[in-house]
Amino acid sequence: MNLHSYMESRLEPAAVSYEQLQELLVRLLNYGVLVRGESQTVTELYDRFVRVEELVGESLQLYGISVHHDRRFEYVRLYPPGSRTPGMDAAEEHAFGGSLRARLTQNEIALVLVLRAQYDKAVREGKIDERGYAAEPLEAISLAMKNWLSRSLPEKALERRAIFRSLRKLRLIDYREEEDLDQVEAWIRIHPMIVDFVSVDAIDALQPAPAAGAPDVS
C-alpha cells in the first residue's frame, strides 16, 4: 500500500478526501491558526480538522510542529519545532503569522504582555463573552502599557495600526476597522488564545512600574 492509499484509508471513516486534507494542512501551515466562527470557510476547515485531528497531528509531527487544540473556545494553533506548547518562551521566535516563524517586534511583545494581563483582569471580573473574548477600550490598554511597562503606544497612526494588525494576523485580537484605532474610544476584542500564547510566568514577572522605572523590555 502506497502513502496515498494509506492516507485515504485513514480518512475514509471521517468522510474527508485526500485533497481536503491537503487543503487543511496548507491552510494551517500558511496561517498557523484556525478560529471557528471567523468565517464560513474557516468554520468548515475547523470542523474538518476535528474529524481528522489525529492524522493532522501525526503529519505535522513529522516536521516537529506541535498542534494545540482548544475545544472549549474552538481554535487550533501551530507551534514550530523547539517551542513549548502553550507558552511564550521567546514568543517572538515561536509565533506563527503567515510563515513558519515570524519574529515579533519589541513593541508587539510589550503589547501582547499587556493584553494578556488585561485579559486575566477581565476573567477575574467576569467580563468574558460566550466565546471567551474580552473587550477592552483602547484607552485602557494604552493606560495599562504606561502603568505596567512605562511604555506608550506609537503616536503615529500608521505605526500603531501596524502593531495591532500584526496581532490580529496572529488571531490574538480583533477589532472593527483600522481607522477606529485612531480614536481613544476604539475597542479591542482579546481572543482567549492569548492565554496560551503568553505564559503565566511572563505575567508574574510584570509589576506596575515603580517611580524609578519599569522592567526593561526594549
Protein backbone atom coordinates (compact mmCIF):
# COMPACT_ATOMS: atom_id res chain seq x y z
CA MET A 1 0.00 0.00 0.00
CA ASN A 2 1.46 3.36 -1.02
CA LEU A 3 1.23 6.52 1.08
CA HIS A 4 -1.72 7.95 -0.85
CA SER A 5 -3.76 4.78 -0.40
CA TYR A 6 -2.81 4.55 3.28
CA MET A 7 -3.91 8.13 3.92
CA GLU A 8 -7.18 7.59 2.10
CA SER A 9 -7.91 4.52 4.21
CA ARG A 10 -7.33 6.59 7.36
CA LEU A 11 -9.52 9.42 6.05
CA GLU A 12 -12.44 7.29 4.89
CA PRO A 13 -14.18 6.96 8.32
CA ALA A 14 -14.10 10.75 8.69
CA ALA A 15 -15.55 11.32 5.21
CA VAL A 16 -12.60 13.56 4.32
CA SER A 17 -10.81 13.24 1.00
CA TYR A 18 -7.06 13.28 0.48
CA GLU A 19 -7.39 16.62 -1.31
CA GLN A 20 -9.41 18.07 1.57
CA LEU A 21 -6.70 17.01 4.00
CA GLN A 22 -4.10 18.72 1.84
CA GLU A 23 -6.19 21.89 1.77
CA LEU A 24 -6.47 21.83 5.57
CA LEU A 25 -2.73 21.29 6.07
CA VAL A 26 -1.84 24.07 3.64
CA ARG A 27 -4.18 26.46 5.45
CA LEU A 28 -2.69 25.58 8.82
CA LEU A 29 0.87 25.95 7.60
CA ASN A 30 0.13 29.26 5.89
CA TYR A 31 -1.75 30.88 8.76
CA GLY A 32 -0.75 28.84 11.81
CA VAL A 33 -4.20 29.18 13.36
CA LEU A 34 -7.87 28.31 12.83
CA VAL A 35 -10.58 30.09 14.78
CA ARG A 36 -14.05 28.63 14.34
CA GLY A 37 -16.64 31.25 13.55
CA GLU A 38 -14.20 33.65 11.92
CA SER A 39 -15.81 32.96 8.55
CA GLN A 40 -17.78 30.20 6.87
CA THR A 41 -14.64 28.87 5.18
CA VAL A 42 -12.62 28.79 8.41
CA THR A 43 -15.53 27.18 10.26
CA GLU A 44 -15.69 24.40 7.66
CA LEU A 45 -11.93 23.87 7.90
CA TYR A 46 -12.06 23.76 11.70
CA ASP A 47 -14.88 21.21 11.63
CA ARG A 48 -12.85 19.17 9.15
CA PHE A 49 -9.84 19.36 11.46
CA VAL A 50 -11.89 17.98 14.34
CA ARG A 51 -12.72 14.91 12.26
CA VAL A 52 -9.09 14.21 11.31
CA GLU A 53 -7.25 15.77 14.25
CA GLU A 54 -5.14 12.70 14.97
CA LEU A 55 -3.96 12.38 11.38
CA VAL A 56 -3.18 16.10 11.13
CA GLY A 57 -1.14 15.89 14.32
CA GLU A 58 0.80 12.89 13.05
CA SER A 59 1.50 14.57 9.71
CA LEU A 60 2.78 17.80 11.24
CA GLN A 61 4.77 15.99 13.93
CA LEU A 62 6.98 14.63 11.16
CA TYR A 63 8.29 18.20 10.86
CA GLY A 64 8.44 18.79 14.60
CA ILE A 65 5.36 21.03 14.50
CA SER A 66 3.04 20.82 17.52
CA VAL A 67 -0.72 21.31 17.39
CA HIS A 68 -2.60 22.97 20.24
CA HIS A 69 -6.37 22.50 20.10
CA ASP A 70 -8.63 24.37 22.49
CA ARG A 71 -12.00 22.61 22.30
CA ARG A 72 -13.76 24.97 24.68
CA PHE A 73 -13.16 28.08 22.59
CA GLU A 74 -12.79 26.17 19.32
CA TYR A 75 -9.45 27.20 17.92
CA VAL A 76 -6.27 25.49 16.72
CA ARG A 77 -2.76 26.95 16.80
CA LEU A 78 0.50 25.51 15.49
CA TYR A 79 3.84 25.80 17.26
CA PRO A 80 7.10 25.27 15.35
CA PRO A 81 9.92 22.93 16.36
CA GLY A 82 11.53 23.72 19.68
CA SER A 83 8.69 25.80 21.10
CA ARG A 84 6.78 24.90 24.25
CA THR A 85 3.04 24.49 23.92
CA PRO A 86 1.45 26.59 25.18
CA GLY A 87 3.64 29.44 26.43
CA MET A 88 5.64 32.44 25.42
CA ASP A 89 9.24 31.33 25.79
CA ALA A 90 10.89 33.51 23.16
CA ALA A 91 7.47 34.07 21.65
CA GLU A 92 8.91 36.46 19.11
CA GLU A 93 10.61 33.44 17.57
CA HIS A 94 7.90 30.86 18.11
CA ALA A 95 4.80 32.69 16.91
CA PHE A 96 3.25 31.86 13.57
CA GLY A 97 1.99 34.54 11.26
CA GLY A 98 1.91 33.77 7.56
CA SER A 99 5.13 31.79 7.71
CA LEU A 100 6.54 29.12 9.98
CA ARG A 101 8.39 31.66 12.08
CA ALA A 102 7.51 35.30 12.48
CA ARG A 103 9.51 37.50 14.81
CA LEU A 104 7.57 40.00 16.88
CA THR A 105 8.96 43.46 17.44
CA GLN A 106 9.65 44.68 20.94
CA ASN A 107 6.58 46.94 20.74
CA GLU A 108 4.45 43.97 19.74
CA ILE A 109 5.83 41.84 22.58
CA ALA A 110 5.09 44.60 25.09
CA LEU A 111 1.53 44.93 23.80
CA VAL A 112 0.98 41.16 23.91
CA LEU A 113 2.09 41.04 27.54
CA VAL A 114 -0.25 43.86 28.49
CA LEU A 115 -3.14 42.32 26.58
CA ARG A 116 -2.65 39.07 28.49
CA ALA A 117 -2.67 40.97 31.78
CA GLN A 118 -5.83 42.81 30.73
CA TYR A 119 -7.43 39.53 29.70
CA ASP A 120 -6.69 37.98 33.10
CA LYS A 121 -8.25 41.05 34.74
CA ALA A 122 -11.38 40.65 32.60
CA VAL A 123 -11.60 36.97 33.59
CA ARG A 124 -11.42 37.84 37.28
CA GLU A 125 -14.14 40.43 36.83
CA GLY A 126 -16.34 38.07 34.82
CA LYS A 127 -16.20 40.26 31.72
CA ILE A 128 -15.81 37.44 29.19
CA ASP A 129 -18.37 36.75 26.48
CA GLU A 130 -19.67 33.32 25.50
CA ARG A 131 -16.82 32.82 23.01
CA GLY A 132 -14.16 33.73 25.55
CA TYR A 133 -13.37 37.20 24.21
CA ALA A 134 -12.60 40.14 26.49
CA ALA A 135 -13.47 43.59 25.15
CA GLU A 136 -11.14 46.39 26.23
CA PRO A 137 -11.16 50.07 25.25
CA LEU A 138 -8.00 51.24 23.53
CA GLU A 139 -7.69 53.94 26.18
CA ALA A 140 -7.50 51.29 28.94
CA ILE A 141 -4.88 49.31 27.02
CA SER A 142 -2.80 52.44 26.49
CA LEU A 143 -3.03 53.28 30.20
CA ALA A 144 -2.04 49.72 31.16
CA MET A 145 1.02 49.98 28.90
CA LYS A 146 2.15 53.05 30.82
CA ASN A 147 1.37 51.62 34.26
CA TRP A 148 2.92 48.19 33.70
CA LEU A 149 5.81 48.88 31.35
CA SER A 150 6.24 52.66 31.26
CA ARG A 151 5.73 52.47 27.51
CA SER A 152 3.30 54.21 25.20
CA LEU A 153 1.65 53.07 22.02
CA PRO A 154 3.22 54.69 18.95
CA GLU A 155 1.96 58.21 18.41
CA LYS A 156 1.92 57.84 14.63
CA ALA A 157 -1.31 56.27 13.43
CA LEU A 158 0.38 54.11 10.79
CA GLU A 159 2.80 52.60 13.32
CA ARG A 160 0.01 52.00 15.83
CA ARG A 161 -2.14 50.32 13.20
CA ALA A 162 0.78 48.11 12.13
CA ILE A 163 1.22 46.74 15.67
CA PHE A 164 -2.44 45.89 16.09
CA ARG A 165 -2.60 44.50 12.54
CA SER A 166 0.23 42.11 13.37
CA LEU A 167 -1.54 40.80 16.46
CA ARG A 168 -4.81 40.45 14.59
CA LYS A 169 -2.97 38.41 11.98
CA LEU A 170 -1.95 36.08 14.81
CA ARG A 171 -5.66 35.98 15.80
CA LEU A 172 -4.82 37.26 19.27
CA ILE A 173 -7.13 40.25 18.90
CA ASP A 174 -9.95 41.52 16.73
CA TYR A 175 -11.41 44.94 16.00
CA ARG A 176 -13.75 46.54 13.50
CA GLU A 177 -11.72 48.87 11.29
CA GLU A 178 -8.12 50.05 11.39
CA GLU A 179 -9.37 53.62 11.22
CA ASP A 180 -11.05 53.07 14.59
CA LEU A 181 -7.62 52.66 16.17
CA ASP A 182 -7.06 56.38 15.68
CA GLN A 183 -9.78 57.08 18.24
CA VAL A 184 -9.38 56.63 22.00
CA GLU A 185 -12.96 55.35 22.07
CA ALA A 186 -11.98 52.30 19.98
CA TRP A 187 -12.50 48.84 21.48
CA ILE A 188 -10.27 45.78 21.05
CA ARG A 189 -11.51 42.22 21.49
CA ILE A 190 -8.86 39.95 23.05
CA HIS A 191 -9.09 36.30 21.98
CA PRO A 192 -8.83 33.61 24.69
CA MET A 193 -5.82 32.08 22.92
CA ILE A 194 -3.79 34.93 24.43
CA VAL A 195 -3.66 32.66 27.50
CA ASP A 196 -1.82 30.01 25.50
CA PHE A 197 0.41 32.50 23.75
CA VAL A 198 1.71 34.15 26.93
CA SER A 199 2.84 32.07 29.89
CA VAL A 200 1.80 32.71 33.48
CA ASP A 201 5.47 33.22 34.36
CA ALA A 202 5.68 36.09 31.89
CA ILE A 203 2.74 37.81 33.56
CA ASP A 204 4.07 37.14 37.07
CA ALA A 205 7.27 38.90 36.04
CA LEU A 206 5.32 42.07 35.32
CA GLN A 207 4.75 44.59 38.08
CA PRO A 208 3.26 48.05 37.95
CA ALA A 209 6.09 50.43 37.16
CA PRO A 210 7.73 51.92 40.28
CA ALA A 211 8.73 55.56 40.41
CA ALA A 212 12.31 54.78 39.48
CA GLY A 213 11.33 52.94 36.30
CA ALA A 214 9.86 49.75 34.94
CA PRO A 215 11.22 46.39 33.76
CA ASP A 216 13.15 46.98 30.55
CA VAL A 217 11.54 45.17 27.61
CA SER A 218 13.22 47.25 24.92
